[in-house]
């Protein structure tokens, strides 16, 4: 990894379809609007070709970069499977977490760098590891764990936080509705009982990362 940002953040989720990319992109956009020099990276992505914007497209739209700067074309795999499986199905050689980490580069002077993993913490990212291993390789300043705010949030967050022992973890409750009693109780339980730092909006996360 070249030109490490002043603050490096890895974004993961409790699983797929929890809004990880949306939350990451909205946070990047909020940082950029606040005048923070921010960039986003997706070390590898897999997707269904022709199904709409890729994660790299969405992140690039928020950061003002090109999609190929966010995710190298060689790591953009048009098969909707975990990346190492997608690579195998496409007849591509296997790649390692160390290779993905080494390929991440940043423009000089970036204040906040946001790296998005795939799926949940233990979803296969490379032939030899997952986002937990990527975090170990990158040693970020914080890990952001995106979770749905509704039923099952507490269990999902607690299980997903555990592999990141020793790292600073922030739980981001996506689709949070202050008028929803369950959402409010989930937030309070995670904060008071599980002792997890919680944010409920991209703007709040952006403010936290600026400090």
N, C-alpha and C. Protein backbone atom coordinates (compact mmCIF):
# COMPACT_ATOMS: atom_id res chain seq x y z
N UNK A 1 0.85 -1.20 0.00
CA UNK A 1 0.00 0.00 0.00
C UNK A 1 0.89 1.24 0.00
N UNK A 2 0.62 2.16 -0.92
CA UNK A 2 1.41 3.37 -1.03
C UNK A 2 0.64 4.59 -0.55
N UNK A 3 1.38 5.59 0.00
CA UNK A 3 0.77 6.85 0.45
C UNK A 3 -0.38 6.62 1.42
N UNK A 4 -0.11 5.92 2.51
CA UNK A 4 -1.16 5.65 3.49
C UNK A 4 -1.84 6.95 3.92
N UNK A 5 -3.19 6.99 3.90
CA UNK A 5 -3.90 8.20 4.35
C UNK A 5 -3.66 8.48 5.83
N UNK A 6 -3.94 9.71 6.22
CA UNK A 6 -3.80 10.07 7.64
C UNK A 6 -4.67 9.17 8.50
N UNK A 7 -5.87 8.87 8.02
CA UNK A 7 -6.76 7.95 8.72
C UNK A 7 -7.28 6.91 7.73
N UNK A 8 -7.10 5.65 8.06
CA UNK A 8 -7.49 4.56 7.18
C UNK A 8 -8.62 3.77 7.83
N UNK A 9 -9.68 3.53 7.07
CA UNK A 9 -10.87 2.85 7.58
C UNK A 9 -11.22 1.69 6.66
N UNK A 10 -11.52 0.55 7.23
CA UNK A 10 -12.03 -0.58 6.46
C UNK A 10 -13.51 -0.76 6.78
N UNK A 11 -14.33 -0.83 5.74
CA UNK A 11 -15.77 -1.00 5.89
C UNK A 11 -16.15 -2.43 5.53
N UNK A 12 -16.84 -3.08 6.44
CA UNK A 12 -17.38 -4.41 6.17
C UNK A 12 -18.84 -4.42 6.62
N UNK A 13 -19.49 -5.56 6.51
CA UNK A 13 -20.88 -5.66 6.91
C UNK A 13 -21.12 -6.94 7.68
N UNK A 14 -22.30 -7.04 8.28
CA UNK A 14 -22.65 -8.27 8.97
C UNK A 14 -22.99 -9.38 7.97
N UNK A 15 -23.15 -9.01 6.72
CA UNK A 15 -23.47 -9.96 5.66
C UNK A 15 -23.72 -9.20 4.37
N UNK A 16 -24.27 -9.88 3.39
CA UNK A 16 -24.60 -9.22 2.13
C UNK A 16 -25.94 -8.49 2.26
N UNK A 17 -26.14 -7.52 1.39
CA UNK A 17 -27.40 -6.79 1.29
C UNK A 17 -27.76 -6.01 2.55
N UNK A 18 -26.78 -5.57 3.31
CA UNK A 18 -27.08 -4.73 4.49
C UNK A 18 -26.87 -3.25 4.18
N UNK A 19 -26.46 -2.94 2.96
CA UNK A 19 -26.25 -1.55 2.57
C UNK A 19 -24.85 -1.04 2.83
N UNK A 20 -23.90 -1.95 2.84
CA UNK A 20 -22.50 -1.60 3.13
C UNK A 20 -21.96 -0.56 2.14
N UNK A 21 -22.15 -0.81 0.86
CA UNK A 21 -21.63 0.11 -0.15
C UNK A 21 -22.34 1.45 -0.09
N UNK A 22 -23.65 1.43 0.09
CA UNK A 22 -24.39 2.69 0.20
C UNK A 22 -23.90 3.51 1.37
N UNK A 23 -23.74 2.88 2.54
CA UNK A 23 -23.31 3.60 3.73
C UNK A 23 -21.90 4.15 3.54
N UNK A 24 -21.02 3.33 2.97
CA UNK A 24 -19.65 3.77 2.73
C UNK A 24 -19.63 4.95 1.77
N UNK A 25 -20.37 4.85 0.67
CA UNK A 25 -20.39 5.92 -0.33
C UNK A 25 -20.98 7.20 0.24
N UNK A 26 -22.05 7.09 1.01
CA UNK A 26 -22.68 8.28 1.59
C UNK A 26 -21.74 8.94 2.59
N UNK A 27 -20.97 8.15 3.31
CA UNK A 27 -19.98 8.71 4.25
C UNK A 27 -18.87 9.42 3.49
N UNK A 28 -18.39 8.79 2.42
CA UNK A 28 -17.36 9.41 1.58
C UNK A 28 -17.86 10.73 1.02
N UNK A 29 -19.10 10.75 0.53
CA UNK A 29 -19.67 11.98 -0.03
C UNK A 29 -19.77 13.07 1.03
N UNK A 30 -20.16 12.69 2.25
CA UNK A 30 -20.28 13.67 3.33
C UNK A 30 -18.91 14.24 3.69
N UNK A 31 -17.90 13.40 3.71
CA UNK A 31 -16.54 13.87 3.99
C UNK A 31 -16.07 14.83 2.91
N UNK A 32 -16.34 14.45 1.67
CA UNK A 32 -15.91 15.29 0.55
C UNK A 32 -16.61 16.65 0.59
N UNK A 33 -17.90 16.65 0.89
CA UNK A 33 -18.65 17.90 0.98
C UNK A 33 -18.13 18.79 2.10
N UNK A 34 -17.56 18.17 3.14
CA UNK A 34 -17.00 18.93 4.26
C UNK A 34 -15.59 19.42 3.98
N UNK A 35 -15.08 19.14 2.78
CA UNK A 35 -13.77 19.62 2.41
C UNK A 35 -12.63 18.70 2.79
N UNK A 36 -12.95 17.47 3.20
CA UNK A 36 -11.93 16.50 3.57
C UNK A 36 -11.43 15.81 2.30
N UNK A 37 -10.13 15.65 2.19
CA UNK A 37 -9.55 14.92 1.05
C UNK A 37 -9.74 13.43 1.33
N UNK A 38 -10.65 12.81 0.59
CA UNK A 38 -11.05 11.43 0.85
C UNK A 38 -10.96 10.63 -0.45
N UNK A 39 -10.65 9.36 -0.32
CA UNK A 39 -10.63 8.45 -1.47
C UNK A 39 -11.17 7.11 -1.02
N UNK A 40 -11.66 6.34 -1.98
CA UNK A 40 -12.25 5.02 -1.67
C UNK A 40 -11.55 3.95 -2.49
N UNK A 41 -11.44 2.78 -1.90
CA UNK A 41 -10.85 1.64 -2.59
C UNK A 41 -11.67 0.38 -2.33
N UNK A 42 -11.83 -0.39 -3.38
CA UNK A 42 -12.48 -1.71 -3.33
C UNK A 42 -11.45 -2.68 -3.89
N UNK A 43 -10.68 -3.38 -3.06
CA UNK A 43 -9.57 -4.19 -3.56
C UNK A 43 -9.97 -5.23 -4.60
N UNK A 44 -11.18 -5.77 -4.45
CA UNK A 44 -11.70 -6.74 -5.41
C UNK A 44 -13.21 -6.69 -5.34
N UNK A 45 -13.86 -6.92 -6.47
CA UNK A 45 -15.32 -6.97 -6.48
C UNK A 45 -15.79 -8.02 -7.47
N UNK A 46 -16.93 -8.60 -7.14
CA UNK A 46 -17.59 -9.53 -8.06
C UNK A 46 -19.04 -9.10 -8.17
N UNK A 47 -19.62 -9.32 -9.34
CA UNK A 47 -20.94 -8.76 -9.61
C UNK A 47 -21.57 -9.46 -10.81
N UNK A 48 -22.85 -9.24 -10.99
CA UNK A 48 -23.55 -9.76 -12.16
C UNK A 48 -23.43 -8.75 -13.29
N UNK A 49 -22.78 -9.12 -14.35
CA UNK A 49 -22.57 -8.20 -15.47
C UNK A 49 -23.89 -7.67 -16.01
N UNK A 50 -23.96 -6.38 -16.23
CA UNK A 50 -25.15 -5.76 -16.80
C UNK A 50 -26.26 -5.53 -15.82
N UNK A 51 -26.02 -5.79 -14.54
CA UNK A 51 -27.10 -5.66 -13.54
C UNK A 51 -27.16 -4.29 -12.91
N UNK A 52 -26.35 -3.36 -13.38
CA UNK A 52 -26.36 -2.02 -12.80
C UNK A 52 -24.99 -1.61 -12.32
N UNK A 53 -24.92 -0.47 -11.64
CA UNK A 53 -23.62 0.03 -11.17
C UNK A 53 -22.94 -0.98 -10.25
N UNK A 54 -21.64 -1.11 -10.39
CA UNK A 54 -20.88 -1.95 -9.47
C UNK A 54 -20.58 -1.16 -8.20
N UNK A 55 -20.07 -1.85 -7.19
CA UNK A 55 -19.67 -1.16 -5.96
C UNK A 55 -18.64 -0.08 -6.27
N UNK A 56 -17.70 -0.40 -7.15
CA UNK A 56 -16.68 0.58 -7.51
C UNK A 56 -17.30 1.80 -8.19
N UNK A 57 -18.31 1.59 -9.01
CA UNK A 57 -19.00 2.71 -9.65
C UNK A 57 -19.62 3.63 -8.60
N UNK A 58 -20.29 3.02 -7.62
CA UNK A 58 -20.98 3.80 -6.58
C UNK A 58 -19.97 4.56 -5.72
N UNK A 59 -18.91 3.90 -5.33
CA UNK A 59 -17.89 4.55 -4.51
C UNK A 59 -17.18 5.66 -5.28
N UNK A 60 -16.91 5.41 -6.55
CA UNK A 60 -16.26 6.43 -7.38
C UNK A 60 -17.14 7.65 -7.55
N UNK A 61 -18.43 7.43 -7.70
CA UNK A 61 -19.36 8.55 -7.81
C UNK A 61 -19.34 9.43 -6.57
N UNK A 62 -19.12 8.82 -5.42
CA UNK A 62 -19.08 9.57 -4.16
C UNK A 62 -17.75 10.29 -3.95
N UNK A 63 -16.66 9.65 -4.37
CA UNK A 63 -15.34 10.20 -4.08
C UNK A 63 -14.80 11.11 -5.18
N UNK A 64 -15.46 11.08 -6.35
CA UNK A 64 -14.98 11.89 -7.47
C UNK A 64 -13.82 11.25 -8.21
N UNK A 65 -13.64 9.96 -8.03
CA UNK A 65 -12.57 9.24 -8.71
C UNK A 65 -13.13 8.46 -9.89
N UNK A 66 -12.26 7.76 -10.60
CA UNK A 66 -12.68 6.86 -11.65
C UNK A 66 -12.89 5.47 -11.05
N UNK A 67 -13.87 4.71 -11.55
CA UNK A 67 -14.08 3.36 -11.03
C UNK A 67 -12.83 2.49 -11.07
N UNK A 68 -12.00 2.66 -12.12
CA UNK A 68 -10.78 1.86 -12.23
C UNK A 68 -9.73 2.26 -11.20
N UNK A 69 -9.87 3.46 -10.63
CA UNK A 69 -9.00 3.86 -9.53
C UNK A 69 -9.47 3.24 -8.21
N UNK A 70 -10.76 3.06 -8.11
CA UNK A 70 -11.33 2.46 -6.91
C UNK A 70 -11.06 0.96 -6.87
N UNK A 71 -11.28 0.29 -7.98
CA UNK A 71 -11.03 -1.15 -8.08
C UNK A 71 -10.30 -1.43 -9.39
N UNK A 72 -9.12 -2.03 -9.33
CA UNK A 72 -8.38 -2.32 -10.57
C UNK A 72 -9.22 -3.19 -11.51
N UNK A 73 -9.20 -2.93 -12.80
CA UNK A 73 -9.96 -3.75 -13.74
C UNK A 73 -9.68 -5.24 -13.62
N UNK A 74 -8.44 -5.59 -13.30
CA UNK A 74 -8.08 -7.00 -13.17
C UNK A 74 -8.71 -7.66 -11.96
N UNK A 75 -9.23 -6.83 -11.03
CA UNK A 75 -9.88 -7.36 -9.83
C UNK A 75 -11.39 -7.13 -9.86
N UNK A 76 -11.89 -6.79 -11.02
CA UNK A 76 -13.32 -6.56 -11.20
C UNK A 76 -13.88 -7.75 -11.95
N UNK A 77 -14.59 -8.61 -11.24
CA UNK A 77 -14.97 -9.93 -11.75
C UNK A 77 -16.48 -10.02 -11.99
N UNK A 78 -16.84 -10.18 -13.25
CA UNK A 78 -18.25 -10.17 -13.62
C UNK A 78 -18.97 -11.48 -13.42
N UNK A 79 -18.85 -12.05 -12.23
CA UNK A 79 -19.58 -13.27 -11.86
C UNK A 79 -20.06 -13.08 -10.42
N UNK A 80 -21.36 -13.24 -10.14
CA UNK A 80 -21.87 -12.98 -8.80
C UNK A 80 -21.58 -14.12 -7.81
N UNK A 81 -20.32 -14.27 -7.48
CA UNK A 81 -19.87 -15.24 -6.48
C UNK A 81 -18.81 -14.56 -5.62
N UNK A 82 -18.44 -15.19 -4.51
CA UNK A 82 -17.32 -14.68 -3.74
C UNK A 82 -16.12 -14.54 -4.66
N UNK A 83 -15.32 -13.48 -4.53
CA UNK A 83 -14.25 -13.20 -5.49
C UNK A 83 -13.33 -14.37 -5.84
N UNK A 84 -12.83 -15.15 -4.87
CA UNK A 84 -11.95 -16.25 -5.30
C UNK A 84 -12.69 -17.31 -6.12
N UNK A 85 -13.97 -17.49 -5.82
CA UNK A 85 -14.77 -18.42 -6.62
C UNK A 85 -15.03 -17.85 -8.01
N UNK A 86 -15.31 -16.54 -8.07
CA UNK A 86 -15.54 -15.89 -9.36
C UNK A 86 -14.30 -15.98 -10.23
N UNK A 87 -13.13 -15.75 -9.63
CA UNK A 87 -11.88 -15.83 -10.39
C UNK A 87 -11.67 -17.24 -10.94
N UNK A 88 -11.94 -18.23 -10.10
CA UNK A 88 -11.78 -19.62 -10.55
C UNK A 88 -12.72 -19.93 -11.69
N UNK A 89 -13.98 -19.45 -11.58
CA UNK A 89 -14.95 -19.75 -12.64
C UNK A 89 -14.58 -19.07 -13.95
N UNK A 90 -13.86 -17.96 -13.86
CA UNK A 90 -13.43 -17.24 -15.06
C UNK A 90 -12.09 -17.73 -15.59
N UNK A 91 -11.53 -18.72 -14.93
CA UNK A 91 -10.25 -19.26 -15.36
C UNK A 91 -9.06 -18.36 -15.04
N UNK A 92 -9.23 -17.49 -14.05
CA UNK A 92 -8.16 -16.59 -13.66
C UNK A 92 -7.33 -17.20 -12.54
N UNK A 93 -6.07 -16.81 -12.43
CA UNK A 93 -5.24 -17.37 -11.37
C UNK A 93 -5.70 -16.90 -9.99
N UNK A 94 -5.47 -17.70 -8.97
CA UNK A 94 -5.85 -17.28 -7.62
C UNK A 94 -5.00 -16.10 -7.15
N UNK A 95 -5.54 -15.34 -6.22
CA UNK A 95 -4.81 -14.20 -5.66
C UNK A 95 -4.93 -14.24 -4.14
N UNK A 96 -4.01 -13.56 -3.47
CA UNK A 96 -3.95 -13.61 -2.02
C UNK A 96 -4.36 -12.28 -1.40
N UNK A 97 -4.61 -12.30 -0.11
CA UNK A 97 -4.91 -11.07 0.63
C UNK A 97 -3.72 -10.13 0.56
N UNK A 98 -2.51 -10.67 0.68
CA UNK A 98 -1.30 -9.83 0.62
C UNK A 98 -1.20 -9.11 -0.72
N UNK A 99 -1.56 -9.80 -1.80
CA UNK A 99 -1.52 -9.16 -3.12
C UNK A 99 -2.55 -8.04 -3.20
N UNK A 100 -3.75 -8.27 -2.69
CA UNK A 100 -4.78 -7.22 -2.72
C UNK A 100 -4.33 -6.01 -1.91
N UNK A 101 -3.77 -6.27 -0.73
CA UNK A 101 -3.31 -5.17 0.13
C UNK A 101 -2.20 -4.37 -0.55
N UNK A 102 -1.29 -5.07 -1.21
CA UNK A 102 -0.16 -4.40 -1.86
C UNK A 102 -0.60 -3.56 -3.06
N UNK A 103 -1.72 -3.93 -3.67
CA UNK A 103 -2.20 -3.21 -4.85
C UNK A 103 -2.93 -1.92 -4.51
N UNK A 104 -3.26 -1.72 -3.24
CA UNK A 104 -3.98 -0.51 -2.85
C UNK A 104 -3.02 0.68 -2.84
N UNK A 105 -3.36 1.69 -3.61
CA UNK A 105 -2.55 2.90 -3.65
C UNK A 105 -3.44 4.13 -3.48
N UNK A 106 -2.86 5.19 -2.93
CA UNK A 106 -3.61 6.41 -2.66
C UNK A 106 -2.88 7.62 -3.24
N UNK A 107 -3.61 8.61 -3.70
CA UNK A 107 -2.96 9.86 -4.08
C UNK A 107 -2.31 10.50 -2.85
N UNK A 108 -1.27 11.27 -3.03
CA UNK A 108 -0.66 11.95 -1.88
C UNK A 108 -1.65 12.89 -1.20
N UNK A 109 -1.54 13.00 0.12
CA UNK A 109 -2.32 13.98 0.86
C UNK A 109 -3.74 13.58 1.22
N UNK A 110 -4.11 12.32 1.02
CA UNK A 110 -5.46 11.88 1.37
C UNK A 110 -5.59 11.86 2.90
N UNK A 111 -6.64 12.51 3.38
CA UNK A 111 -6.87 12.57 4.83
C UNK A 111 -7.60 11.35 5.36
N UNK A 112 -8.60 10.89 4.63
CA UNK A 112 -9.35 9.70 5.03
C UNK A 112 -9.42 8.75 3.84
N UNK A 113 -8.95 7.54 4.05
CA UNK A 113 -9.04 6.50 3.03
C UNK A 113 -10.02 5.44 3.48
N UNK A 114 -10.98 5.11 2.61
CA UNK A 114 -12.02 4.13 2.93
C UNK A 114 -11.84 2.91 2.03
N UNK A 115 -11.63 1.76 2.66
CA UNK A 115 -11.47 0.50 1.93
C UNK A 115 -12.68 -0.37 2.23
N UNK A 116 -13.38 -0.82 1.20
CA UNK A 116 -14.55 -1.68 1.40
C UNK A 116 -14.22 -3.13 1.08
N UNK A 117 -14.59 -4.02 1.99
CA UNK A 117 -14.44 -5.44 1.76
C UNK A 117 -15.61 -6.00 0.98
N UNK A 118 -15.82 -7.31 1.07
CA UNK A 118 -16.96 -7.95 0.40
C UNK A 118 -17.75 -8.75 1.42
N UNK A 119 -19.06 -8.76 1.28
CA UNK A 119 -19.90 -9.57 2.16
C UNK A 119 -19.66 -9.27 3.62
N UNK A 120 -19.62 -10.34 4.43
CA UNK A 120 -19.36 -10.20 5.85
C UNK A 120 -17.90 -10.40 6.18
N UNK A 121 -17.55 -10.30 7.46
CA UNK A 121 -16.14 -10.41 7.85
C UNK A 121 -15.47 -11.70 7.39
N UNK A 122 -16.21 -12.80 7.36
CA UNK A 122 -15.62 -14.08 7.00
C UNK A 122 -15.98 -14.53 5.58
N UNK A 123 -16.57 -13.65 4.79
CA UNK A 123 -16.82 -13.98 3.38
C UNK A 123 -15.49 -14.06 2.65
N UNK A 124 -15.28 -15.08 1.81
CA UNK A 124 -13.99 -15.22 1.12
C UNK A 124 -13.68 -13.98 0.27
N UNK A 125 -12.51 -13.43 0.51
CA UNK A 125 -12.05 -12.25 -0.22
C UNK A 125 -10.99 -12.63 -1.24
N UNK A 126 -10.15 -13.59 -0.86
CA UNK A 126 -9.06 -14.08 -1.70
C UNK A 126 -8.90 -15.57 -1.45
N UNK A 127 -7.96 -16.18 -2.14
CA UNK A 127 -7.78 -17.63 -2.01
C UNK A 127 -7.38 -18.03 -0.60
N UNK A 128 -6.76 -17.10 0.12
CA UNK A 128 -6.22 -17.45 1.43
C UNK A 128 -6.81 -16.64 2.58
N UNK A 129 -7.91 -15.93 2.35
CA UNK A 129 -8.42 -15.14 3.46
C UNK A 129 -9.65 -14.32 3.16
N UNK A 130 -10.02 -13.50 4.14
CA UNK A 130 -11.25 -12.73 4.11
C UNK A 130 -10.98 -11.30 4.60
N UNK A 131 -12.05 -10.57 4.91
CA UNK A 131 -11.86 -9.18 5.33
C UNK A 131 -11.16 -9.09 6.69
N UNK A 132 -11.34 -10.08 7.54
CA UNK A 132 -10.61 -10.11 8.81
C UNK A 132 -9.10 -10.14 8.53
N UNK A 133 -8.71 -10.95 7.56
CA UNK A 133 -7.29 -11.02 7.19
C UNK A 133 -6.81 -9.73 6.52
N UNK A 134 -7.69 -9.11 5.73
CA UNK A 134 -7.33 -7.84 5.10
C UNK A 134 -7.09 -6.78 6.16
N UNK A 135 -7.93 -6.75 7.18
CA UNK A 135 -7.75 -5.81 8.29
C UNK A 135 -6.41 -6.06 8.98
N UNK A 136 -6.08 -7.31 9.19
CA UNK A 136 -4.79 -7.64 9.81
C UNK A 136 -3.63 -7.15 8.95
N UNK A 137 -3.79 -7.21 7.63
CA UNK A 137 -2.73 -6.78 6.73
C UNK A 137 -2.62 -5.26 6.65
N UNK A 138 -3.76 -4.57 6.64
CA UNK A 138 -3.76 -3.12 6.46
C UNK A 138 -3.58 -2.36 7.77
N UNK A 139 -3.99 -2.95 8.88
CA UNK A 139 -3.90 -2.32 10.20
C UNK A 139 -4.56 -0.93 10.17
N UNK A 140 -5.85 -0.87 9.85
CA UNK A 140 -6.54 0.43 9.76
C UNK A 140 -6.72 1.06 11.14
N UNK A 141 -7.07 2.34 11.11
CA UNK A 141 -7.35 3.04 12.36
C UNK A 141 -8.70 2.65 12.93
N UNK A 142 -9.62 2.20 12.08
CA UNK A 142 -10.93 1.76 12.54
C UNK A 142 -11.55 0.81 11.53
N UNK A 143 -12.41 -0.05 12.04
CA UNK A 143 -13.22 -0.93 11.21
C UNK A 143 -14.66 -0.49 11.38
N UNK A 144 -15.35 -0.24 10.28
CA UNK A 144 -16.76 0.13 10.32
C UNK A 144 -17.58 -1.09 9.91
N UNK A 145 -18.47 -1.50 10.79
CA UNK A 145 -19.30 -2.68 10.56
C UNK A 145 -20.73 -2.24 10.30
N UNK A 146 -21.17 -2.37 9.06
CA UNK A 146 -22.53 -1.96 8.68
C UNK A 146 -23.50 -3.10 8.95
N UNK A 147 -24.59 -2.77 9.63
CA UNK A 147 -25.62 -3.77 9.97
C UNK A 147 -27.00 -3.17 9.74
N UNK A 148 -27.95 -4.01 9.48
CA UNK A 148 -29.33 -3.55 9.42
C UNK A 148 -29.78 -3.20 10.83
N UNK A 149 -30.57 -2.14 10.96
CA UNK A 149 -30.97 -1.67 12.29
C UNK A 149 -32.07 -2.50 12.93
N UNK A 150 -32.71 -3.37 12.18
CA UNK A 150 -33.89 -4.06 12.67
C UNK A 150 -33.63 -5.37 13.40
N UNK A 151 -34.60 -6.26 13.32
CA UNK A 151 -34.57 -7.52 14.05
C UNK A 151 -33.31 -8.32 13.69
N UNK A 152 -32.61 -8.80 14.70
CA UNK A 152 -31.40 -9.58 14.49
C UNK A 152 -30.13 -8.76 14.53
N UNK A 153 -30.25 -7.45 14.69
CA UNK A 153 -29.07 -6.58 14.64
C UNK A 153 -28.08 -6.90 15.75
N UNK A 154 -28.57 -7.14 16.95
CA UNK A 154 -27.65 -7.35 18.08
C UNK A 154 -26.82 -8.60 17.87
N UNK A 155 -27.46 -9.70 17.52
CA UNK A 155 -26.72 -10.94 17.28
C UNK A 155 -25.73 -10.78 16.13
N UNK A 156 -26.19 -10.17 15.04
CA UNK A 156 -25.33 -10.02 13.87
C UNK A 156 -24.11 -9.15 14.18
N UNK A 157 -24.31 -8.07 14.90
CA UNK A 157 -23.20 -7.18 15.23
C UNK A 157 -22.23 -7.86 16.18
N UNK A 158 -22.75 -8.50 17.22
CA UNK A 158 -21.85 -9.13 18.20
C UNK A 158 -21.02 -10.24 17.56
N UNK A 159 -21.63 -11.04 16.69
CA UNK A 159 -20.88 -12.10 16.02
C UNK A 159 -19.83 -11.52 15.07
N UNK A 160 -20.17 -10.43 14.42
CA UNK A 160 -19.27 -9.86 13.42
C UNK A 160 -18.16 -9.01 14.03
N UNK A 161 -18.38 -8.47 15.21
CA UNK A 161 -17.35 -7.70 15.90
C UNK A 161 -16.25 -8.61 16.43
N UNK A 162 -16.64 -9.80 16.88
CA UNK A 162 -15.70 -10.70 17.56
C UNK A 162 -14.40 -10.96 16.80
N UNK A 163 -14.42 -11.21 15.48
CA UNK A 163 -13.16 -11.50 14.79
C UNK A 163 -12.19 -10.33 14.73
N UNK A 164 -12.67 -9.12 15.05
CA UNK A 164 -11.82 -7.93 14.97
C UNK A 164 -11.28 -7.53 16.34
N UNK A 165 -11.18 -8.47 17.24
CA UNK A 165 -10.65 -8.21 18.57
C UNK A 165 -9.28 -7.53 18.46
N UNK A 166 -9.12 -6.44 19.19
CA UNK A 166 -7.88 -5.69 19.13
C UNK A 166 -7.93 -4.51 18.19
N UNK A 167 -9.00 -4.41 17.40
CA UNK A 167 -9.18 -3.28 16.49
C UNK A 167 -10.35 -2.42 16.96
N UNK A 168 -10.27 -1.15 16.68
CA UNK A 168 -11.37 -0.24 17.00
C UNK A 168 -12.50 -0.47 16.00
N UNK A 169 -13.69 -0.81 16.50
CA UNK A 169 -14.82 -1.13 15.64
C UNK A 169 -15.97 -0.17 15.92
N UNK A 170 -16.56 0.34 14.86
CA UNK A 170 -17.74 1.19 14.94
C UNK A 170 -18.87 0.48 14.21
N UNK A 171 -19.98 0.26 14.88
CA UNK A 171 -21.15 -0.35 14.23
C UNK A 171 -22.00 0.76 13.62
N UNK A 172 -22.31 0.62 12.34
CA UNK A 172 -23.14 1.59 11.63
C UNK A 172 -24.49 0.94 11.34
N UNK A 173 -25.52 1.40 12.03
CA UNK A 173 -26.85 0.82 11.84
C UNK A 173 -27.52 1.47 10.64
N UNK A 174 -27.64 0.73 9.56
CA UNK A 174 -28.22 1.25 8.34
C UNK A 174 -29.74 1.19 8.40
N UNK A 175 -30.37 2.10 7.69
CA UNK A 175 -31.83 2.19 7.63
C UNK A 175 -32.42 2.45 9.03
N UNK A 176 -31.68 3.13 9.87
CA UNK A 176 -32.13 3.41 11.22
C UNK A 176 -33.26 4.43 11.21
N UNK A 177 -34.31 4.14 11.99
CA UNK A 177 -35.48 5.03 12.09
C UNK A 177 -35.69 5.34 13.57
N UNK A 178 -35.48 6.58 13.95
CA UNK A 178 -35.59 6.98 15.36
C UNK A 178 -37.00 6.76 15.91
N UNK A 179 -38.00 6.70 15.02
CA UNK A 179 -39.37 6.49 15.50
C UNK A 179 -39.68 5.01 15.72
N UNK A 180 -38.76 4.14 15.32
CA UNK A 180 -38.97 2.70 15.48
C UNK A 180 -38.42 2.26 16.84
N UNK A 181 -39.31 1.75 17.69
CA UNK A 181 -38.92 1.36 19.04
C UNK A 181 -37.83 0.30 19.04
N UNK A 182 -37.93 -0.69 18.15
CA UNK A 182 -36.93 -1.75 18.08
C UNK A 182 -35.56 -1.18 17.69
N UNK A 183 -35.53 -0.30 16.73
CA UNK A 183 -34.28 0.31 16.31
C UNK A 183 -33.62 1.04 17.48
N UNK A 184 -34.42 1.81 18.21
CA UNK A 184 -33.87 2.55 19.35
C UNK A 184 -33.33 1.59 20.41
N UNK A 185 -34.07 0.52 20.67
CA UNK A 185 -33.63 -0.44 21.69
C UNK A 185 -32.38 -1.20 21.24
N UNK A 186 -32.31 -1.55 19.97
CA UNK A 186 -31.11 -2.21 19.45
C UNK A 186 -29.89 -1.31 19.62
N UNK A 187 -30.06 -0.06 19.27
CA UNK A 187 -28.95 0.89 19.40
C UNK A 187 -28.49 1.00 20.85
N UNK A 188 -29.43 1.13 21.77
CA UNK A 188 -29.09 1.28 23.19
C UNK A 188 -28.44 0.02 23.74
N UNK A 189 -28.97 -1.15 23.35
CA UNK A 189 -28.41 -2.41 23.85
C UNK A 189 -26.96 -2.59 23.38
N UNK A 190 -26.74 -2.32 22.11
CA UNK A 190 -25.38 -2.47 21.58
C UNK A 190 -24.41 -1.52 22.29
N UNK A 191 -24.86 -0.32 22.57
CA UNK A 191 -24.01 0.66 23.22
C UNK A 191 -23.81 0.36 24.71
N UNK A 192 -24.91 0.06 25.40
CA UNK A 192 -24.86 -0.09 26.85
C UNK A 192 -24.40 -1.47 27.31
N UNK A 193 -24.84 -2.51 26.61
CA UNK A 193 -24.56 -3.88 27.05
C UNK A 193 -23.41 -4.53 26.29
N UNK A 194 -23.38 -4.36 24.97
CA UNK A 194 -22.31 -4.95 24.17
C UNK A 194 -21.08 -4.06 24.12
N UNK A 195 -21.22 -2.82 24.61
CA UNK A 195 -20.10 -1.87 24.63
C UNK A 195 -19.50 -1.64 23.25
N UNK A 196 -20.39 -1.50 22.27
CA UNK A 196 -19.97 -1.24 20.89
C UNK A 196 -20.31 0.21 20.56
N UNK A 197 -19.36 0.92 19.97
CA UNK A 197 -19.64 2.27 19.51
C UNK A 197 -20.60 2.19 18.33
N UNK A 198 -21.66 3.01 18.35
CA UNK A 198 -22.70 2.93 17.34
C UNK A 198 -22.92 4.29 16.68
N UNK A 199 -23.04 4.29 15.36
CA UNK A 199 -23.52 5.46 14.62
C UNK A 199 -24.73 5.01 13.81
N UNK A 200 -25.60 5.96 13.48
CA UNK A 200 -26.84 5.57 12.80
C UNK A 200 -27.05 6.33 11.49
N UNK A 201 -26.05 7.10 11.06
CA UNK A 201 -26.19 7.83 9.80
C UNK A 201 -24.81 8.11 9.23
N UNK A 202 -24.68 8.15 7.90
CA UNK A 202 -23.39 8.46 7.29
C UNK A 202 -22.81 9.79 7.74
N UNK A 203 -23.65 10.81 7.92
CA UNK A 203 -23.15 12.10 8.38
C UNK A 203 -22.48 11.98 9.74
N UNK A 204 -23.08 11.17 10.62
CA UNK A 204 -22.50 10.97 11.95
C UNK A 204 -21.16 10.26 11.86
N UNK A 205 -21.07 9.28 10.97
CA UNK A 205 -19.80 8.57 10.79
C UNK A 205 -18.75 9.50 10.20
N UNK A 206 -19.16 10.34 9.25
CA UNK A 206 -18.22 11.29 8.64
C UNK A 206 -17.68 12.26 9.69
N UNK A 207 -18.54 12.73 10.56
CA UNK A 207 -18.11 13.64 11.63
C UNK A 207 -17.13 12.93 12.56
N UNK A 208 -17.43 11.69 12.87
CA UNK A 208 -16.55 10.92 13.74
C UNK A 208 -15.17 10.72 13.10
N UNK A 209 -15.13 10.47 11.79
CA UNK A 209 -13.86 10.25 11.11
C UNK A 209 -13.07 11.53 10.93
N UNK A 210 -13.73 12.66 10.97
CA UNK A 210 -13.04 13.95 10.85
C UNK A 210 -12.34 14.35 12.13
N UNK A 211 -12.76 13.79 13.25
CA UNK A 211 -12.22 14.18 14.56
C UNK A 211 -11.00 13.35 14.94
